[in-house]
Amino acid sequence: MIKHIVLLDLPADYDRDTLAEIMQQIASLQEKIPGFDHFEHGVNKDFEGMSESCAYAFICHFRNEDTSRQYIVDPDHNAFGQRLVEMCNGGVEGITVVDMALAA
């Protein structure tokens, strides 16, 4: 399994409705991409004070690396991603992505 973890550095006044819409659009890709098994997202509470530049995060659960690669090249994913880039502080610099392969 691959967990695609995305951290977003958003300005304090980011449009919450727009972000919610983008999250719904990403979630809809589960119907389109076989092996995109689960999606979750939410506000970063940063209880340890170690990620204050991350306002929001989401995680896509992919069955395997092939599924992850399908997601990466999907045109809808790229369109939603561009909208996120436009929302983030510093554009693409405001997005951190980790693709974690779970140990068997």
PDB file of N, CA and C in Angstrom:
ATOM      1  N   MET A   1       0.842  -1.183   0.000  1.00  0.00           N
ATOM      2  CA  MET A   1       0.000   0.000   0.000  1.00  0.00           C
ATOM      3  C   MET A   1       0.880   1.237   0.000  1.00  0.00           C
ATOM      4  N   ILE A   2       0.429   2.232  -0.727  1.00  0.00           N
ATOM      5  CA  ILE A   2       1.091   3.543  -0.763  1.00  0.00           C
ATOM      6  C   ILE A   2       0.150   4.558  -0.119  1.00  0.00           C
ATOM      7  N   LYS A   3       0.676   5.313   0.826  1.00  0.00           N
ATOM      8  CA  LYS A   3      -0.077   6.437   1.382  1.00  0.00           C
ATOM      9  C   LYS A   3       0.532   7.704   0.803  1.00  0.00           C
ATOM     10  N   HIS A   4      -0.272   8.405   0.041  1.00  0.00           N
ATOM     11  CA  HIS A   4       0.119   9.663  -0.610  1.00  0.00           C
ATOM     12  C   HIS A   4      -0.321  10.776   0.344  1.00  0.00           C
ATOM     13  N   ILE A   5       0.643  11.383   1.015  1.00  0.00           N
ATOM     14  CA  ILE A   5       0.374  12.371   2.065  1.00  0.00           C
ATOM     15  C   ILE A   5       0.734  13.752   1.525  1.00  0.00           C
ATOM     16  N   VAL A   6      -0.220  14.666   1.582  1.00  0.00           N
ATOM     17  CA  VAL A   6      -0.012  16.002   1.027  1.00  0.00           C
ATOM     18  C   VAL A   6      -0.272  17.036   2.119  1.00  0.00           C
ATOM     19  N   LEU A   7       0.721  17.898   2.346  1.00  0.00           N
ATOM     20  CA  LEU A   7       0.642  18.961   3.350  1.00  0.00           C
ATOM     21  C   LEU A   7       0.548  20.296   2.629  1.00  0.00           C
ATOM     22  N   LEU A   8      -0.399  21.114   3.027  1.00  0.00           N
ATOM     23  CA  LEU A   8      -0.670  22.379   2.354  1.00  0.00           C
ATOM     24  C   LEU A   8      -0.365  23.567   3.264  1.00  0.00           C
ATOM     25  N   ASP A   9       0.459  24.464   2.773  1.00  0.00           N
ATOM     26  CA  ASP A   9       0.757  25.725   3.456  1.00  0.00           C
ATOM     27  C   ASP A   9      -0.196  26.772   2.875  1.00  0.00           C
ATOM     28  N   LEU A  10      -1.269  27.019   3.580  1.00  0.00           N
ATOM     29  CA  LEU A  10      -2.312  27.933   3.102  1.00  0.00           C
ATOM     30  C   LEU A  10      -2.284  29.238   3.878  1.00  0.00           C
ATOM     31  N   PRO A  11      -2.643  30.334   3.228  1.00  0.00           N
ATOM     32  CA  PRO A  11      -2.739  31.599   3.968  1.00  0.00           C
ATOM     33  C   PRO A  11      -3.879  31.521   4.982  1.00  0.00           C
ATOM     34  N   ALA A  12      -3.795  32.317   6.020  1.00  0.00           N
ATOM     35  CA  ALA A  12      -4.812  32.293   7.075  1.00  0.00           C
ATOM     36  C   ALA A  12      -6.214  32.555   6.540  1.00  0.00           C
ATOM     37  N   ASP A  13      -6.312  33.339   5.483  1.00  0.00           N
ATOM     38  CA  ASP A  13      -7.631  33.687   4.945  1.00  0.00           C
ATOM     39  C   ASP A  13      -8.021  32.845   3.726  1.00  0.00           C
ATOM     40  N   TYR A  14      -7.496  31.612   3.623  1.00  0.00           N
ATOM     41  CA  TYR A  14      -7.818  30.785   2.455  1.00  0.00           C
ATOM     42  C   TYR A  14      -9.327  30.536   2.381  1.00  0.00           C
ATOM     43  N   ASP A  15      -9.803  30.330   1.179  1.00  0.00           N
ATOM     44  CA  ASP A  15     -11.231  30.114   0.935  1.00  0.00           C
ATOM     45  C   ASP A  15     -11.595  28.672   1.292  1.00  0.00           C
ATOM     46  N   ARG A  16     -12.245  28.508   2.423  1.00  0.00           N
ATOM     47  CA  ARG A  16     -12.582  27.173   2.915  1.00  0.00           C
ATOM     48  C   ARG A  16     -13.575  26.448   2.008  1.00  0.00           C
ATOM     49  N   ASP A  17     -14.470  27.187   1.381  1.00  0.00           N
ATOM     50  CA  ASP A  17     -15.425  26.570   0.456  1.00  0.00           C
ATOM     51  C   ASP A  17     -14.715  26.014  -0.778  1.00  0.00           C
ATOM     52  N   THR A  18     -13.769  26.772  -1.296  1.00  0.00           N
ATOM     53  CA  THR A  18     -13.006  26.297  -2.455  1.00  0.00           C
ATOM     54  C   THR A  18     -12.201  25.063  -2.084  1.00  0.00           C
ATOM     55  N   LEU A  19     -11.559  25.080  -0.924  1.00  0.00           N
ATOM     56  CA  LEU A  19     -10.783  23.924  -0.501  1.00  0.00           C
ATOM     57  C   LEU A  19     -11.692  22.704  -0.334  1.00  0.00           C
ATOM     58  N   ALA A  20     -12.858  22.883   0.263  1.00  0.00           N
ATOM     59  CA  ALA A  20     -13.798  21.766   0.435  1.00  0.00           C
ATOM     60  C   ALA A  20     -14.220  21.200  -0.916  1.00  0.00           C
ATOM     61  N   GLU A  21     -14.432  22.072  -1.878  1.00  0.00           N
ATOM     62  CA  GLU A  21     -14.800  21.631  -3.224  1.00  0.00           C
ATOM     63  C   GLU A  21     -13.675  20.798  -3.845  1.00  0.00           C
ATOM     64  N   ILE A  22     -12.442  21.253  -3.703  1.00  0.00           N
ATOM     65  CA  ILE A  22     -11.305  20.515  -4.251  1.00  0.00           C
ATOM     66  C   ILE A  22     -11.169  19.161  -3.562  1.00  0.00           C
ATOM     67  N   MET A  23     -11.371  19.121  -2.256  1.00  0.00           N
ATOM     68  CA  MET A  23     -11.289  17.849  -1.534  1.00  0.00           C
ATOM     69  C   MET A  23     -12.363  16.880  -2.039  1.00  0.00           C
ATOM     70  N   GLN A  24     -13.558  17.376  -2.306  1.00  0.00           N
ATOM     71  CA  GLN A  24     -14.624  16.521  -2.861  1.00  0.00           C
ATOM     72  C   GLN A  24     -14.235  16.006  -4.240  1.00  0.00           C
ATOM     73  N   GLN A  25     -13.604  16.853  -5.027  1.00  0.00           N
ATOM     74  CA  GLN A  25     -13.192  16.448  -6.371  1.00  0.00           C
ATOM     75  C   GLN A  25     -12.109  15.375  -6.306  1.00  0.00           C
ATOM     76  N   ILE A  26     -11.164  15.531  -5.395  1.00  0.00           N
ATOM     77  CA  ILE A  26     -10.128  14.502  -5.246  1.00  0.00           C
ATOM     78  C   ILE A  26     -10.776  13.191  -4.789  1.00  0.00           C
ATOM     79  N   ALA A  27     -11.678  13.274  -3.836  1.00  0.00           N
ATOM     80  CA  ALA A  27     -12.364  12.069  -3.353  1.00  0.00           C
ATOM     81  C   ALA A  27     -13.102  11.361  -4.487  1.00  0.00           C
ATOM     82  N   SER A  28     -13.642  12.123  -5.423  1.00  0.00           N
ATOM     83  CA  SER A  28     -14.390  11.524  -6.534  1.00  0.00           C
ATOM     84  C   SER A  28     -13.499  10.674  -7.443  1.00  0.00           C
ATOM     85  N   LEU A  29     -12.194  10.892  -7.393  1.00  0.00           N
ATOM     86  CA  LEU A  29     -11.283  10.094  -8.204  1.00  0.00           C
ATOM     87  C   LEU A  29     -11.255   8.629  -7.771  1.00  0.00           C
ATOM     88  N   GLN A  30     -11.746   8.340  -6.567  1.00  0.00           N
ATOM     89  CA  GLN A  30     -11.825   6.952  -6.112  1.00  0.00           C
ATOM     90  C   GLN A  30     -12.724   6.127  -7.024  1.00  0.00           C
ATOM     91  N   GLU A  31     -13.737   6.763  -7.596  1.00  0.00           N
ATOM     92  CA  GLU A  31     -14.658   6.079  -8.514  1.00  0.00           C
ATOM     93  C   GLU A  31     -14.018   5.850  -9.874  1.00  0.00           C
ATOM     94  N   LYS A  32     -13.033   6.639 -10.213  1.00  0.00           N
ATOM     95  CA  LYS A  32     -12.407   6.611 -11.526  1.00  0.00           C
ATOM     96  C   LYS A  32     -11.144   5.755 -11.583  1.00  0.00           C
ATOM     97  N   ILE A  33     -10.396   5.703 -10.488  1.00  0.00           N
ATOM     98  CA  ILE A  33      -9.090   5.041 -10.470  1.00  0.00           C
ATOM     99  C   ILE A  33      -9.178   3.778  -9.606  1.00  0.00           C
ATOM    100  N   PRO A  34      -9.186   2.611 -10.234  1.00  0.00           N
ATOM    101  CA  PRO A  34      -9.202   1.355  -9.465  1.00  0.00           C
ATOM    102  C   PRO A  34      -7.974   1.274  -8.560  1.00  0.00           C
ATOM    103  N   GLY A  35      -8.195   0.908  -7.306  1.00  0.00           N
ATOM    104  CA  GLY A  35      -7.094   0.807  -6.357  1.00  0.00           C
ATOM    105  C   GLY A  35      -6.881   2.052  -5.519  1.00  0.00           C
ATOM    106  N   PHE A  36      -7.636   3.122  -5.825  1.00  0.00           N
ATOM    107  CA  PHE A  36      -7.640   4.317  -4.960  1.00  0.00           C
ATOM    108  C   PHE A  36      -8.708   4.002  -3.920  1.00  0.00           C
ATOM    109  N   ASP A  37      -8.262   3.438  -2.795  1.00  0.00           N
ATOM    110  CA  ASP A  37      -9.171   2.796  -1.850  1.00  0.00           C
ATOM    111  C   ASP A  37      -9.758   3.695  -0.770  1.00  0.00           C
ATOM    112  N   HIS A  38      -9.063   4.772  -0.434  1.00  0.00           N
ATOM    113  CA  HIS A  38      -9.553   5.588   0.688  1.00  0.00           C
ATOM    114  C   HIS A  38      -8.977   6.991   0.577  1.00  0.00           C
ATOM    115  N   PHE A  39      -9.732   7.972   1.070  1.00  0.00           N
ATOM    116  CA  PHE A  39      -9.294   9.364   1.057  1.00  0.00           C
ATOM    117  C   PHE A  39      -9.722  10.006   2.362  1.00  0.00           C
ATOM    118  N   GLU A  40      -8.815  10.751   2.956  1.00  0.00           N
ATOM    119  CA  GLU A  40      -9.148  11.482   4.183  1.00  0.00           C
ATOM    120  C   GLU A  40      -8.429  12.823   4.165  1.00  0.00           C
ATOM    121  N   HIS A  41      -9.008  13.803   4.849  1.00  0.00           N
ATOM    122  CA  HIS A  41      -8.432  15.150   4.838  1.00  0.00           C
ATOM    123  C   HIS A  41      -8.892  15.902   6.074  1.00  0.00           C
ATOM    124  N   GLY A  42      -8.132  16.949   6.418  1.00  0.00           N
ATOM    125  CA  GLY A  42      -8.534  17.758   7.552  1.00  0.00           C
ATOM    126  C   GLY A  42      -7.525  18.832   7.910  1.00  0.00           C
ATOM    127  N   VAL A  43      -7.927  19.641   8.855  1.00  0.00           N
ATOM    128  CA  VAL A  43      -7.125  20.757   9.359  1.00  0.00           C
ATOM    129  C   VAL A  43      -6.000  20.207  10.236  1.00  0.00           C
ATOM    130  N   ASN A  44      -4.813  20.766  10.108  1.00  0.00           N
ATOM    131  CA  ASN A  44      -3.673  20.399  10.949  1.00  0.00           C
ATOM    132  C   ASN A  44      -3.805  21.113  12.291  1.00  0.00           C
ATOM    133  N   LYS A  45      -3.841  20.359  13.357  1.00  0.00           N
ATOM    134  CA  LYS A  45      -3.919  20.941  14.706  1.00  0.00           C
ATOM    135  C   LYS A  45      -2.531  21.227  15.287  1.00  0.00           C
ATOM    136  N   ASP A  46      -1.484  20.595  14.769  1.00  0.00           N
ATOM    137  CA  ASP A  46      -0.090  20.847  15.150  1.00  0.00           C
ATOM    138  C   ASP A  46       0.104  20.888  16.669  1.00  0.00           C
ATOM    139  N   PHE A  47      -0.335  19.860  17.354  1.00  0.00           N
ATOM    140  CA  PHE A  47      -0.237  19.805  18.813  1.00  0.00           C
ATOM    141  C   PHE A  47       1.204  19.833  19.314  1.00  0.00           C
ATOM    142  N   GLU A  48       2.152  19.362  18.511  1.00  0.00           N
ATOM    143  CA  GLU A  48       3.555  19.336  18.931  1.00  0.00           C
ATOM    144  C   GLU A  48       4.328  20.578  18.499  1.00  0.00           C
ATOM    145  N   GLY A  49       3.681  21.475  17.741  1.00  0.00           N
ATOM    146  CA  GLY A  49       4.345  22.689  17.301  1.00  0.00           C
ATOM    147  C   GLY A  49       5.465  22.431  16.298  1.00  0.00           C
ATOM    148  N   MET A  50       5.304  21.418  15.456  1.00  0.00           N
ATOM    149  CA  MET A  50       6.373  21.053  14.528  1.00  0.00           C
ATOM    150  C   MET A  50       5.987  21.224  13.059  1.00  0.00           C
ATOM    151  N   SER A  51       4.780  21.714  12.823  1.00  0.00           N
ATOM    152  CA  SER A  51       4.348  21.834  11.417  1.00  0.00           C
ATOM    153  C   SER A  51       3.446  23.051  11.225  1.00  0.00           C
ATOM    154  N   GLU A  52       3.852  24.152  11.806  1.00  0.00           N
ATOM    155  CA  GLU A  52       2.984  25.327  11.774  1.00  0.00           C
ATOM    156  C   GLU A  52       2.747  25.872  10.370  1.00  0.00           C
ATOM    157  N   SER A  53       3.612  25.563   9.405  1.00  0.00           N
ATOM    158  CA  SER A  53       3.378  26.043   8.043  1.00  0.00           C
ATOM    159  C   SER A  53       2.345  25.182   7.306  1.00  0.00           C
ATOM    160  N   CYS A  54       1.959  24.060   7.886  1.00  0.00           N
ATOM    161  CA  CYS A  54       0.962  23.190   7.270  1.00  0.00           C
ATOM    162  C   CYS A  54      -0.403  23.472   7.888  1.00  0.00           C
ATOM    163  N   ALA A  55      -1.280  24.098   7.112  1.00  0.00           N
ATOM    164  CA  ALA A  55      -2.615  24.415   7.607  1.00  0.00           C
ATOM    165  C   ALA A  55      -3.589  23.257   7.419  1.00  0.00           C
ATOM    166  N   TYR A  56      -3.343  22.438   6.395  1.00  0.00           N
ATOM    167  CA  TYR A  56      -4.310  21.417   6.010  1.00  0.00           C
ATOM    168  C   TYR A  56      -3.550  20.260   5.375  1.00  0.00           C
ATOM    169  N   ALA A  57      -4.117  19.067   5.452  1.00  0.00           N
ATOM    170  CA  ALA A  57      -3.465  17.896   4.856  1.00  0.00           C
ATOM    171  C   ALA A  57      -4.501  16.920   4.333  1.00  0.00           C
ATOM    172  N   PHE A  58      -4.057  16.100   3.386  1.00  0.00           N
ATOM    173  CA  PHE A  58      -4.903  14.993   2.960  1.00  0.00           C
ATOM    174  C   PHE A  58      -4.052  13.770   2.663  1.00  0.00           C
ATOM    175  N   ILE A  59      -4.709  12.610   2.730  1.00  0.00           N
ATOM    176  CA  ILE A  59      -4.040  11.340   2.481  1.00  0.00           C
ATOM    177  C   ILE A  59      -4.884  10.520   1.527  1.00  0.00           C
ATOM    178  N   CYS A  60      -4.228  10.042   0.472  1.00  0.00           N
ATOM    179  CA  CYS A  60      -4.846   9.111  -0.465  1.00  0.00           C
ATOM    180  C   CYS A  60      -4.227   7.740  -0.201  1.00  0.00           C
ATOM    181  N   HIS A  61      -5.062   6.721  -0.073  1.00  0.00           N
ATOM    182  CA  HIS A  61      -4.587   5.358   0.134  1.00  0.00           C
ATOM    183  C   HIS A  61      -4.667   4.620  -1.199  1.00  0.00           C
ATOM    184  N   PHE A  62      -3.506   4.274  -1.732  1.00  0.00           N
ATOM    185  CA  PHE A  62      -3.440   3.562  -3.003  1.00  0.00           C
ATOM    186  C   PHE A  62      -3.033   2.113  -2.750  1.00  0.00           C
ATOM    187  N   ARG A  63      -3.664   1.206  -3.461  1.00  0.00           N
ATOM    188  CA  ARG A  63      -3.400  -0.221  -3.287  1.00  0.00           C
ATOM    189  C   ARG A  63      -1.949  -0.578  -3.605  1.00  0.00           C
ATOM    190  N   ASN A  64      -1.377   0.111  -4.589  1.00  0.00           N
ATOM    191  CA  ASN A  64      -0.006  -0.208  -4.986  1.00  0.00           C
ATOM    192  C   ASN A  64       0.588   0.972  -5.755  1.00  0.00           C
ATOM    193  N   GLU A  65       1.830   0.794  -6.156  1.00  0.00           N
ATOM    194  CA  GLU A  65       2.545   1.867  -6.857  1.00  0.00           C
ATOM    195  C   GLU A  65       1.899   2.192  -8.208  1.00  0.00           C
ATOM    196  N   ASP A  66       1.400   1.175  -8.896  1.00  0.00           N
ATOM    197  CA  ASP A  66       0.751   1.414 -10.193  1.00  0.00           C
ATOM    198  C   ASP A  66      -0.453   2.344 -10.045  1.00  0.00           C
ATOM    199  N   THR A  67      -1.240   2.118  -9.003  1.00  0.00           N
ATOM    200  CA  THR A  67      -2.393   2.986  -8.755  1.00  0.00           C
ATOM    201  C   THR A  67      -1.935   4.416  -8.499  1.00  0.00           C
ATOM    202  N   SER A  68      -0.871   4.559  -7.717  1.00  0.00           N
ATOM    203  CA  SER A  68      -0.329   5.886  -7.422  1.00  0.00           C
ATOM    204  C   SER A  68       0.092   6.590  -8.712  1.00  0.00           C
ATOM    205  N   ARG A  69       0.710   5.851  -9.596  1.00  0.00           N
ATOM    206  CA  ARG A  69       1.162   6.440 -10.864  1.00  0.00           C
ATOM    207  C   ARG A  69      -0.026   6.829 -11.757  1.00  0.00           C
ATOM    208  N   GLN A  70      -1.105   6.050 -11.713  1.00  0.00           N
ATOM    209  CA  GLN A  70      -2.315   6.412 -12.468  1.00  0.00           C
ATOM    210  C   GLN A  70      -2.878   7.739 -11.962  1.00  0.00           C
ATOM    211  N   TYR A  71      -2.882   7.891 -10.644  1.00  0.00           N
ATOM    212  CA  TYR A  71      -3.364   9.127 -10.022  1.00  0.00           C
ATOM    213  C   TYR A  71      -2.513  10.314 -10.463  1.00  0.00           C
ATOM    214  N   ILE A  72      -1.199  10.126 -10.472  1.00  0.00           N
ATOM    215  CA  ILE A  72      -0.278  11.216 -10.805  1.00  0.00           C
ATOM    216  C   ILE A  72      -0.539  11.767 -12.205  1.00  0.00           C
ATOM    217  N   VAL A  73      -0.816  10.897 -13.160  1.00  0.00           N
ATOM    218  CA  VAL A  73      -0.989  11.346 -14.548  1.00  0.00           C
ATOM    219  C   VAL A  73      -2.441  11.656 -14.911  1.00  0.00           C
ATOM    220  N   ASP A  74      -3.355  11.420 -13.996  1.00  0.00           N
ATOM    221  CA  ASP A  74      -4.766  11.668 -14.286  1.00  0.00           C
ATOM    222  C   ASP A  74      -5.006  13.155 -14.554  1.00  0.00           C
ATOM    223  N   PRO A  75      -5.663  13.496 -15.660  1.00  0.00           N
ATOM    224  CA  PRO A  75      -5.879  14.916 -15.989  1.00  0.00           C
ATOM    225  C   PRO A  75      -6.739  15.655 -14.958  1.00  0.00           C
ATOM    226  N   ASP A  76      -7.721  14.981 -14.378  1.00  0.00           N
ATOM    227  CA  ASP A  76      -8.530  15.636 -13.335  1.00  0.00           C
ATOM    228  C   ASP A  76      -7.678  15.925 -12.106  1.00  0.00           C
ATOM    229  N   HIS A  77      -6.845  14.961 -11.712  1.00  0.00           N
ATOM    230  CA  HIS A  77      -5.942  15.186 -10.584  1.00  0.00           C
ATOM    231  C   HIS A  77      -5.053  16.399 -10.842  1.00  0.00           C
ATOM    232  N   ASN A  78      -4.529  16.491 -12.053  1.00  0.00           N
ATOM    233  CA  ASN A  78      -3.654  17.623 -12.375  1.00  0.00           C
ATOM    234  C   ASN A  78      -4.411  18.951 -12.328  1.00  0.00           C
ATOM    235  N   ALA A  79      -5.662  18.956 -12.747  1.00  0.00           N
ATOM    236  CA  ALA A  79      -6.466  20.181 -12.679  1.00  0.00           C
ATOM    237  C   ALA A  79      -6.739  20.574 -11.224  1.00  0.00           C
ATOM    238  N   PHE A  80      -7.092  19.602 -10.393  1.00  0.00           N
ATOM    239  CA  PHE A  80      -7.339  19.904  -8.974  1.00  0.00           C
ATOM    240  C   PHE A  80      -6.048  20.360  -8.305  1.00  0.00           C
ATOM    241  N   GLY A  81      -4.948  19.691  -8.665  1.00  0.00           N
ATOM    242  CA  GLY A  81      -3.648  20.054  -8.108  1.00  0.00           C
ATOM    243  C   GLY A  81      -3.255  21.476  -8.445  1.00  0.00           C
ATOM    244  N   GLN A  82      -3.542  21.890  -9.665  1.00  0.00           N
ATOM    245  CA  GLN A  82      -3.231  23.270 -10.070  1.00  0.00           C
ATOM    246  C   GLN A  82      -4.018  24.268  -9.235  1.00  0.00           C
ATOM    247  N   ARG A  83      -5.257  23.934  -8.944  1.00  0.00           N
ATOM    248  CA  ARG A  83      -6.066  24.822  -8.088  1.00  0.00           C
ATOM    249  C   ARG A  83      -5.453  24.923  -6.693  1.00  0.00           C
ATOM    250  N   LEU A  84      -4.936  23.802  -6.177  1.00  0.00           N
ATOM    251  CA  LEU A  84      -4.276  23.838  -4.868  1.00  0.00           C
ATOM    252  C   LEU A  84      -3.010  24.672  -4.908  1.00  0.00           C
ATOM    253  N   VAL A  85      -2.233  24.525  -5.965  1.00  0.00           N
ATOM    254  CA  VAL A  85      -1.014  25.328  -6.130  1.00  0.00           C
ATOM    255  C   VAL A  85      -1.367  26.811  -6.059  1.00  0.00           C
ATOM    256  N   GLU A  86      -2.424  27.206  -6.731  1.00  0.00           N
ATOM    257  CA  GLU A  86      -2.840  28.613  -6.750  1.00  0.00           C
ATOM    258  C   GLU A  86      -3.286  29.099  -5.378  1.00  0.00           C
ATOM    259  N   MET A  87      -3.764  28.200  -4.521  1.00  0.00           N
ATOM    260  CA  MET A  87      -4.217  28.580  -3.180  1.00  0.00           C
ATOM    261  C   MET A  87      -3.089  28.699  -2.168  1.00  0.00           C
ATOM    262  N   CYS A  88      -2.009  27.960  -2.376  1.00  0.00           N
ATOM    263  CA  CYS A  88      -0.964  27.827  -1.356  1.00  0.00           C
ATOM    264  C   CYS A  88       0.013  28.991  -1.349  1.00  0.00           C
ATOM    265  N   ASN A  89       0.541  29.260  -0.158  1.00  0.00           N
ATOM    266  CA  ASN A  89       1.619  30.237  -0.017  1.00  0.00           C
ATOM    267  C   ASN A  89       2.814  29.759  -0.834  1.00  0.00           C
ATOM    268  N   GLY A  90       3.301  30.615  -1.718  1.00  0.00           N
ATOM    269  CA  GLY A  90       4.467  30.265  -2.524  1.00  0.00           C
ATOM    270  C   GLY A  90       4.170  29.322  -3.675  1.00  0.00           C
ATOM    271  N   GLY A  91       2.888  29.129  -3.995  1.00  0.00           N
ATOM    272  CA  GLY A  91       2.538  28.236  -5.095  1.00  0.00           C
ATOM    273  C   GLY A  91       2.952  26.809  -4.795  1.00  0.00           C
ATOM    274  N   VAL A  92       3.630  26.172  -5.743  1.00  0.00           N
ATOM    275  CA  VAL A  92       4.024  24.774  -5.574  1.00  0.00           C
ATOM    276  C   VAL A  92       4.953  24.591  -4.372  1.00  0.00           C
ATOM    277  N   GLU A  93       5.688  25.629  -4.005  1.00  0.00           N
ATOM    278  CA  GLU A  93       6.569  25.557  -2.830  1.00  0.00           C
ATOM    279  C   GLU A  93       5.771  25.381  -1.537  1.00  0.00           C
ATOM    280  N   GLY A  94       4.488  25.695  -1.576  1.00  0.00           N
ATOM    281  CA  GLY A  94       3.628  25.566  -0.406  1.00  0.00           C
ATOM    282  C   GLY A  94       2.990  24.195  -0.267  1.00  0.00           C
ATOM    283  N   ILE A  95       3.446  23.247  -1.069  1.00  0.00           N
ATOM    284  CA  ILE A  95       2.904  21.887  -1.024  1.00  0.00           C
ATOM    285  C   ILE A  95       4.042  20.901  -0.788  1.00  0.00           C
ATOM    286  N   THR A  96       3.865  20.050   0.215  1.00  0.00           N
ATOM    287  CA  THR A  96       4.813  18.972   0.488  1.00  0.00           C
ATOM    288  C   THR A  96       4.095  17.654   0.252  1.00  0.00           C
ATOM    289  N   VAL A  97       4.748  16.758  -0.484  1.00  0.00           N
ATOM    290  CA  VAL A  97       4.160  15.452  -0.792  1.00  0.00           C
ATOM    291  C   VAL A  97       5.092  14.360  -0.303  1.00  0.00           C
ATOM    292  N   VAL A  98       4.512  13.380   0.392  1.00  0.00           N
ATOM    293  CA  VAL A  98       5.236  12.188   0.828  1.00  0.00           C
ATOM    294  C   VAL A  98       4.461  10.983   0.318  1.00  0.00           C
ATOM    295  N   ASP A  99       5.155  10.099  -0.409  1.00  0.00           N
ATOM    296  CA  ASP A  99       4.556   8.847  -0.867  1.00  0.00           C
ATOM    297  C   ASP A  99       5.184   7.729  -0.048  1.00  0.00           C
ATOM    298  N   MET A 100       4.456   7.308   0.985  1.00  0.00           N
ATOM    299  CA  MET A 100       4.979   6.349   1.944  1.00  0.00           C
ATOM    300  C   MET A 100       4.542   4.933   1.575  1.00  0.00           C
ATOM    301  N   ALA A 101       5.505   4.055   1.343  1.00  0.00           N
ATOM    302  CA  ALA A 101       5.224   2.646   1.108  1.00  0.00           C
ATOM    303  C   ALA A 101       5.165   1.952   2.466  1.00  0.00           C
ATOM    304  N   LEU A 102       4.030   1.334   2.763  1.00  0.00           N
ATOM    305  CA  LEU A 102       3.891   0.673   4.044  1.00  0.00           C
ATOM    306  C   LEU A 102       4.676  -0.631   4.058  1.00  0.00           C
ATOM    307  N   ALA A 103       5.340  -0.879   5.151  1.00  0.00           N
ATOM    308  CA  ALA A 103       6.084  -2.125   5.312  1.00  0.00           C
ATOM    309  C   ALA A 103       5.107  -3.286   5.369  1.00  0.00           C
ATOM    310  N   ALA A 104       5.503  -4.381   4.791  1.00  0.00           N
ATOM    311  CA  ALA A 104       4.627  -5.569   4.746  1.00  0.00           C
ATOM    312  C   ALA A 104       4.476  -6.190   6.108  1.00  0.00           C
TER     313      ALA A 104
END
